[in-house]
Amino acid sequence: MKITFLGTGTSQGVPVIACPCPVCQSHDEKDKRLRTSVLIEKDNKTIIIDTGPDFRQQMLRANVEVLDAILYTHEHKDHIAGLDDVRAYNFINQRPVNVYLEERVIPAIKREFSYIFAENKYPGVPQINLNTIDHNYSFEAEGVKIIPIRAFHYRLPVLGFRIGDFTYITDANYLPEEEKEKIVGSQFIVINALRKQKHISHFSLNEAVNFINEFGPRRGFITHISHQMGIHSEVVKELPPNIILAYDGLTIKI
């Protein structure tokens, strides 16, 4: 299995428009972050977690020629806004794209992309199949077994996902103890950390580090990073050897 970090930034991305801070003005490519998303390649299948506003750019940059499935963590715009661009895959791959999401997220998708679900569709609109998932049950996406994990983004319920030894959780700052049990044994854990200071709906850097250490994986990765976190080259010096500040384009093989 191969994992590619397509984007590691928060909802505004990095650099933030018109921001003069040192992070946004940095020339280091690791300080340039598109909105958070990952590409999973397993058993000749290609799965994307979240399609943010940068989805088109991310697919071009990673040279993704086939898209088999999309998993949605939740309905916030920085995680769904790029859905329209699956049209290209409909044309190239000659089939609808399977989308896996919680039932409560479906109204947001239908509201934001009402034309996809219109009775009389305009020619060329995206073709998708909605597949409802429940965090209490594992499911298969194109033959790949996936375990959904309930987390909370302040009060908003969101999903993380475990695939084999890989666990991915973004936009969260709390997990019930029974959901943490699903993570035990993961060798690679990705968790969000917005900044060093405490935040109402995201883990801080220290909270994320403690969360990773709770499970003792081989490697931990920090994602969904804002410009408030600091310069990449400086922040990495503060992290334990087994924890990596993820950056766009980083790949890991499991």
Protein backbone atom coordinates (compact mmCIF):
# COMPACT_ATOMS: atom_id res chain seq x y z
CA MET A 1 0.00 0.00 0.00
CA LYS A 2 1.23 3.46 -0.91
CA ILE A 3 0.05 6.67 0.77
CA THR A 4 0.58 10.11 -0.78
CA PHE A 5 -0.18 13.30 1.14
CA LEU A 6 -1.95 15.38 -1.51
CA GLY A 7 -2.51 18.28 0.86
CA THR A 8 -1.53 18.98 4.47
CA GLY A 9 -2.94 22.45 5.03
CA THR A 10 -5.91 23.78 6.92
CA SER A 11 -9.05 25.31 5.39
CA GLN A 12 -7.25 28.43 4.14
CA GLY A 13 -4.21 26.57 2.88
CA VAL A 14 -0.66 27.89 3.25
CA PRO A 15 0.24 30.53 2.23
CA VAL A 16 -2.90 32.32 3.32
CA ILE A 17 -4.06 34.98 0.87
CA ALA A 18 -2.36 38.33 1.54
CA CYS A 19 -0.68 37.14 4.74
CA PRO A 20 2.76 38.70 5.41
CA CYS A 21 3.82 36.21 8.13
CA PRO A 22 7.17 34.35 7.80
CA VAL A 23 5.44 31.02 7.08
CA CYS A 24 3.32 32.41 4.26
CA GLN A 25 6.35 34.22 2.83
CA SER A 26 8.62 31.17 3.11
CA HIS A 27 10.32 29.87 -0.05
CA ASP A 28 10.52 26.35 1.36
CA GLU A 29 8.17 24.06 -0.62
CA LYS A 30 7.34 22.23 2.61
CA ASP A 31 5.69 25.44 3.83
CA LYS A 32 3.28 25.44 0.87
CA ARG A 33 0.22 23.42 1.80
CA LEU A 34 -2.90 22.65 -0.20
CA ARG A 35 -6.08 21.66 1.61
CA THR A 36 -5.89 18.31 3.43
CA SER A 37 -6.35 15.10 1.44
CA VAL A 38 -4.57 11.77 0.95
CA LEU A 39 -4.25 9.30 -1.90
CA ILE A 40 -4.30 5.58 -1.06
CA GLU A 41 -3.12 3.03 -3.61
CA LYS A 42 -3.79 -0.57 -2.61
CA ASP A 43 -4.45 -3.76 -4.57
CA ASN A 44 -4.46 -1.81 -7.83
CA LYS A 45 -7.22 0.46 -6.50
CA THR A 46 -7.02 4.23 -6.07
CA ILE A 47 -8.88 5.78 -3.15
CA ILE A 48 -9.00 9.45 -2.14
CA ILE A 49 -9.92 10.72 1.31
CA ASP A 50 -11.71 14.07 0.85
CA THR A 51 -11.92 16.28 -2.23
CA GLY A 52 -11.15 19.82 -1.12
CA PRO A 53 -10.99 22.99 -3.23
CA ASP A 54 -7.54 21.94 -4.52
CA PHE A 55 -8.68 18.52 -5.76
CA ARG A 56 -8.03 19.24 -9.46
CA GLN A 57 -4.54 20.61 -8.80
CA GLN A 58 -3.73 17.67 -6.52
CA MET A 59 -4.81 15.07 -9.07
CA LEU A 60 -2.72 16.72 -11.77
CA ARG A 61 0.31 17.05 -9.53
CA ALA A 62 0.14 13.41 -8.42
CA ASN A 63 -0.66 12.22 -11.97
CA VAL A 64 -3.70 10.22 -10.82
CA GLU A 65 -5.16 8.62 -13.94
CA VAL A 66 -7.76 6.35 -12.33
CA LEU A 67 -10.09 7.14 -9.44
CA ASP A 68 -11.95 4.19 -7.92
CA ALA A 69 -13.44 5.66 -4.74
CA ILE A 70 -13.76 8.71 -2.52
CA LEU A 71 -14.10 8.56 1.28
CA TYR A 72 -15.50 11.61 3.07
CA THR A 73 -14.56 12.46 6.63
CA HIS A 74 -17.22 15.17 6.96
CA GLU A 75 -19.09 17.88 5.10
CA HIS A 76 -17.00 21.03 5.62
CA LYS A 77 -16.31 22.90 2.40
CA ASP A 78 -12.53 22.42 2.55
CA HIS A 79 -13.18 18.66 2.37
CA ILE A 80 -15.89 18.42 -0.31
CA ALA A 81 -15.58 21.47 -2.59
CA GLY A 82 -13.66 19.70 -5.37
CA LEU A 83 -16.24 16.99 -6.02
CA ASP A 84 -17.28 18.53 -9.34
CA ASP A 85 -13.91 17.66 -10.87
CA VAL A 86 -14.62 13.93 -10.77
CA ARG A 87 -16.22 14.62 -14.17
CA ALA A 88 -12.81 14.10 -15.74
CA TYR A 89 -12.60 10.59 -14.32
CA ASN A 90 -16.14 9.80 -15.48
CA PHE A 91 -15.01 10.61 -19.00
CA ILE A 92 -11.61 8.90 -18.88
CA ASN A 93 -12.59 5.84 -16.81
CA GLN A 94 -16.08 5.54 -18.36
CA ARG A 95 -17.91 4.92 -15.09
CA PRO A 96 -19.35 6.73 -12.08
CA VAL A 97 -17.13 7.22 -9.03
CA ASN A 98 -18.16 5.47 -5.82
CA VAL A 99 -18.43 7.85 -2.87
CA TYR A 100 -18.53 6.55 0.72
CA LEU A 101 -19.96 8.80 3.42
CA GLU A 102 -22.20 8.96 6.46
CA GLU A 103 -25.91 9.41 5.89
CA ARG A 104 -25.89 12.70 7.77
CA VAL A 105 -23.37 14.15 5.25
CA ILE A 106 -25.55 13.41 2.21
CA PRO A 107 -27.81 16.50 2.59
CA ALA A 108 -24.74 18.76 2.48
CA ILE A 109 -23.48 17.07 -0.70
CA LYS A 110 -26.91 17.39 -2.32
CA ARG A 111 -27.18 21.02 -1.27
CA GLU A 112 -23.74 22.01 -2.54
CA PHE A 113 -23.99 19.97 -5.76
CA SER A 114 -27.73 19.92 -6.42
CA TYR A 115 -27.21 19.69 -10.19
CA ILE A 116 -25.61 16.26 -9.78
CA PHE A 117 -28.90 14.94 -8.42
CA ALA A 118 -31.33 16.86 -10.64
CA GLU A 119 -34.11 14.87 -12.29
CA ASN A 120 -33.17 16.30 -15.67
CA LYS A 121 -29.39 16.43 -15.56
CA TYR A 122 -27.35 18.86 -17.63
CA PRO A 123 -25.01 16.90 -19.93
CA GLY A 124 -21.58 16.36 -18.43
CA VAL A 125 -22.43 16.70 -14.73
CA PRO A 126 -20.43 14.47 -12.37
CA GLN A 127 -21.55 10.86 -12.11
CA ILE A 128 -21.26 9.42 -8.61
CA ASN A 129 -22.73 6.55 -6.62
CA LEU A 130 -23.42 7.43 -2.98
CA ASN A 131 -22.68 4.59 -0.55
CA THR A 132 -23.81 5.13 3.04
CA ILE A 133 -21.47 3.93 5.76
CA ASP A 134 -21.88 3.59 9.53
CA HIS A 135 -19.01 4.12 11.96
CA ASN A 136 -20.06 0.99 13.84
CA TYR A 137 -19.31 -1.29 10.90
CA SER A 138 -16.35 -1.92 8.63
CA PHE A 139 -16.99 -1.83 4.89
CA GLU A 140 -15.26 -2.51 1.60
CA ALA A 141 -14.47 0.15 -0.99
CA GLU A 142 -13.62 -1.55 -4.27
CA GLY A 143 -12.55 -4.65 -2.35
CA VAL A 144 -10.39 -2.74 0.15
CA LYS A 145 -11.46 -3.28 3.78
CA ILE A 146 -11.90 -0.05 5.71
CA ILE A 147 -12.69 0.51 9.38
CA PRO A 148 -14.43 3.85 10.08
CA ILE A 149 -13.51 5.60 13.33
CA ARG A 150 -15.79 8.07 15.08
CA ALA A 151 -14.11 11.32 16.10
CA PHE A 152 -15.38 14.76 17.00
CA HIS A 153 -14.53 18.12 15.45
CA TYR A 154 -15.65 20.07 18.53
CA ARG A 155 -19.31 18.96 18.51
CA LEU A 156 -19.43 17.82 14.89
CA PRO A 157 -19.13 14.05 14.40
CA VAL A 158 -16.51 13.18 11.77
CA LEU A 159 -14.91 10.00 10.50
CA GLY A 160 -11.38 8.74 10.51
CA PHE A 161 -10.40 5.59 8.64
CA ARG A 162 -8.16 2.60 9.27
CA ILE A 163 -6.87 0.51 6.37
CA GLY A 164 -4.61 -2.30 7.50
CA ASP A 165 -1.79 -0.80 9.55
CA PHE A 166 -2.65 2.76 8.45
CA THR A 167 -4.95 5.08 10.42
CA TYR A 168 -5.98 8.55 9.21
CA ILE A 169 -7.83 11.13 11.30
CA THR A 170 -8.25 14.79 10.45
CA ASP A 171 -10.35 17.67 11.80
CA ALA A 172 -10.72 16.24 15.28
CA ASN A 173 -9.87 17.00 18.87
CA TYR A 174 -11.66 14.17 20.67
CA LEU A 175 -12.17 10.43 20.22
CA PRO A 176 -14.29 8.23 22.51
CA GLU A 177 -12.30 5.50 24.24
CA GLU A 178 -14.17 2.73 22.42
CA GLU A 179 -13.22 4.28 19.09
CA LYS A 180 -9.56 4.46 20.09
CA GLU A 181 -9.61 0.67 20.38
CA LYS A 182 -9.97 0.53 16.60
CA ILE A 183 -6.56 2.25 16.26
CA VAL A 184 -4.62 -0.12 18.51
CA GLY A 185 -1.90 -1.92 16.55
CA SER A 186 -1.68 0.68 13.77
CA GLN A 187 1.92 1.12 12.66
CA PHE A 188 1.28 4.40 10.83
CA ILE A 189 -1.00 7.06 12.33
CA VAL A 190 -1.93 10.39 10.77
CA ILE A 191 -3.56 12.98 13.02
CA ASN A 192 -4.39 16.67 12.65
CA ALA A 193 -2.69 19.49 14.54
CA LEU A 194 -3.66 23.01 13.57
CA ARG A 195 -1.08 24.92 15.59
CA LYS A 196 0.87 24.84 18.85
CA GLN A 197 -1.79 26.70 20.81
CA LYS A 198 -4.96 24.97 21.97
CA HIS A 199 -7.89 25.16 19.55
CA ILE A 200 -11.63 24.60 20.00
CA SER A 201 -11.99 21.94 17.30
CA HIS A 202 -8.51 20.65 16.38
CA PHE A 203 -5.71 18.99 18.28
CA SER A 204 -2.78 21.23 19.15
CA LEU A 205 0.72 19.99 18.32
CA ASN A 206 1.37 18.67 21.83
CA GLU A 207 -2.05 17.02 21.96
CA ALA A 208 -1.40 15.33 18.62
CA VAL A 209 2.03 14.11 19.74
CA ASN A 210 0.51 12.69 22.94
CA PHE A 211 -2.25 11.04 20.92
CA ILE A 212 0.25 9.33 18.64
CA ASN A 213 2.44 8.22 21.54
CA GLU A 214 -0.61 6.68 23.21
CA PHE A 215 -0.57 4.00 20.50
CA GLY A 216 3.18 3.62 19.95
CA PRO A 217 3.16 3.31 16.15
CA ARG A 218 6.27 2.93 14.02
CA ARG A 219 5.60 6.37 12.54
CA GLY A 220 3.24 9.22 13.33
CA PHE A 221 2.36 12.05 10.96
CA ILE A 222 0.91 15.50 11.60
CA THR A 223 -1.45 17.00 8.99
CA HIS A 224 -4.08 19.77 8.59
CA ILE A 225 -1.48 22.35 9.54
CA SER A 226 -2.07 26.11 9.59
CA HIS A 227 0.42 28.93 9.09
CA GLN A 228 0.21 29.48 12.84
CA MET A 229 2.18 26.27 13.41
CA GLY A 230 5.44 27.88 12.31
CA ILE A 231 8.18 27.25 9.76
CA HIS A 232 8.39 23.56 8.81
CA SER A 233 12.16 23.31 9.22
CA GLU A 234 11.92 24.72 12.75
CA VAL A 235 8.88 22.77 13.95
CA VAL A 236 10.39 19.40 12.94
CA LYS A 237 13.23 19.98 15.41
CA GLU A 238 10.71 19.95 18.26
CA LEU A 239 9.21 16.57 17.38
CA PRO A 240 10.18 13.10 18.64
CA PRO A 241 12.15 10.96 16.13
CA ASN A 242 9.14 8.80 15.28
CA ILE A 243 6.80 11.71 14.46
CA ILE A 244 6.90 13.58 11.16
CA LEU A 245 5.41 16.94 10.23
CA ALA A 246 3.79 15.87 6.97
CA TYR A 247 4.11 17.98 3.82
CA ASP A 248 2.50 17.97 0.40
CA GLY A 249 3.87 15.21 -1.81
CA LEU A 250 5.21 13.07 1.05
CA THR A 251 4.76 9.37 0.30
CA ILE A 252 4.95 6.34 2.55
CA LYS A 253 4.87 2.66 1.64
CA ILE A 254 3.30 0.12 3.95
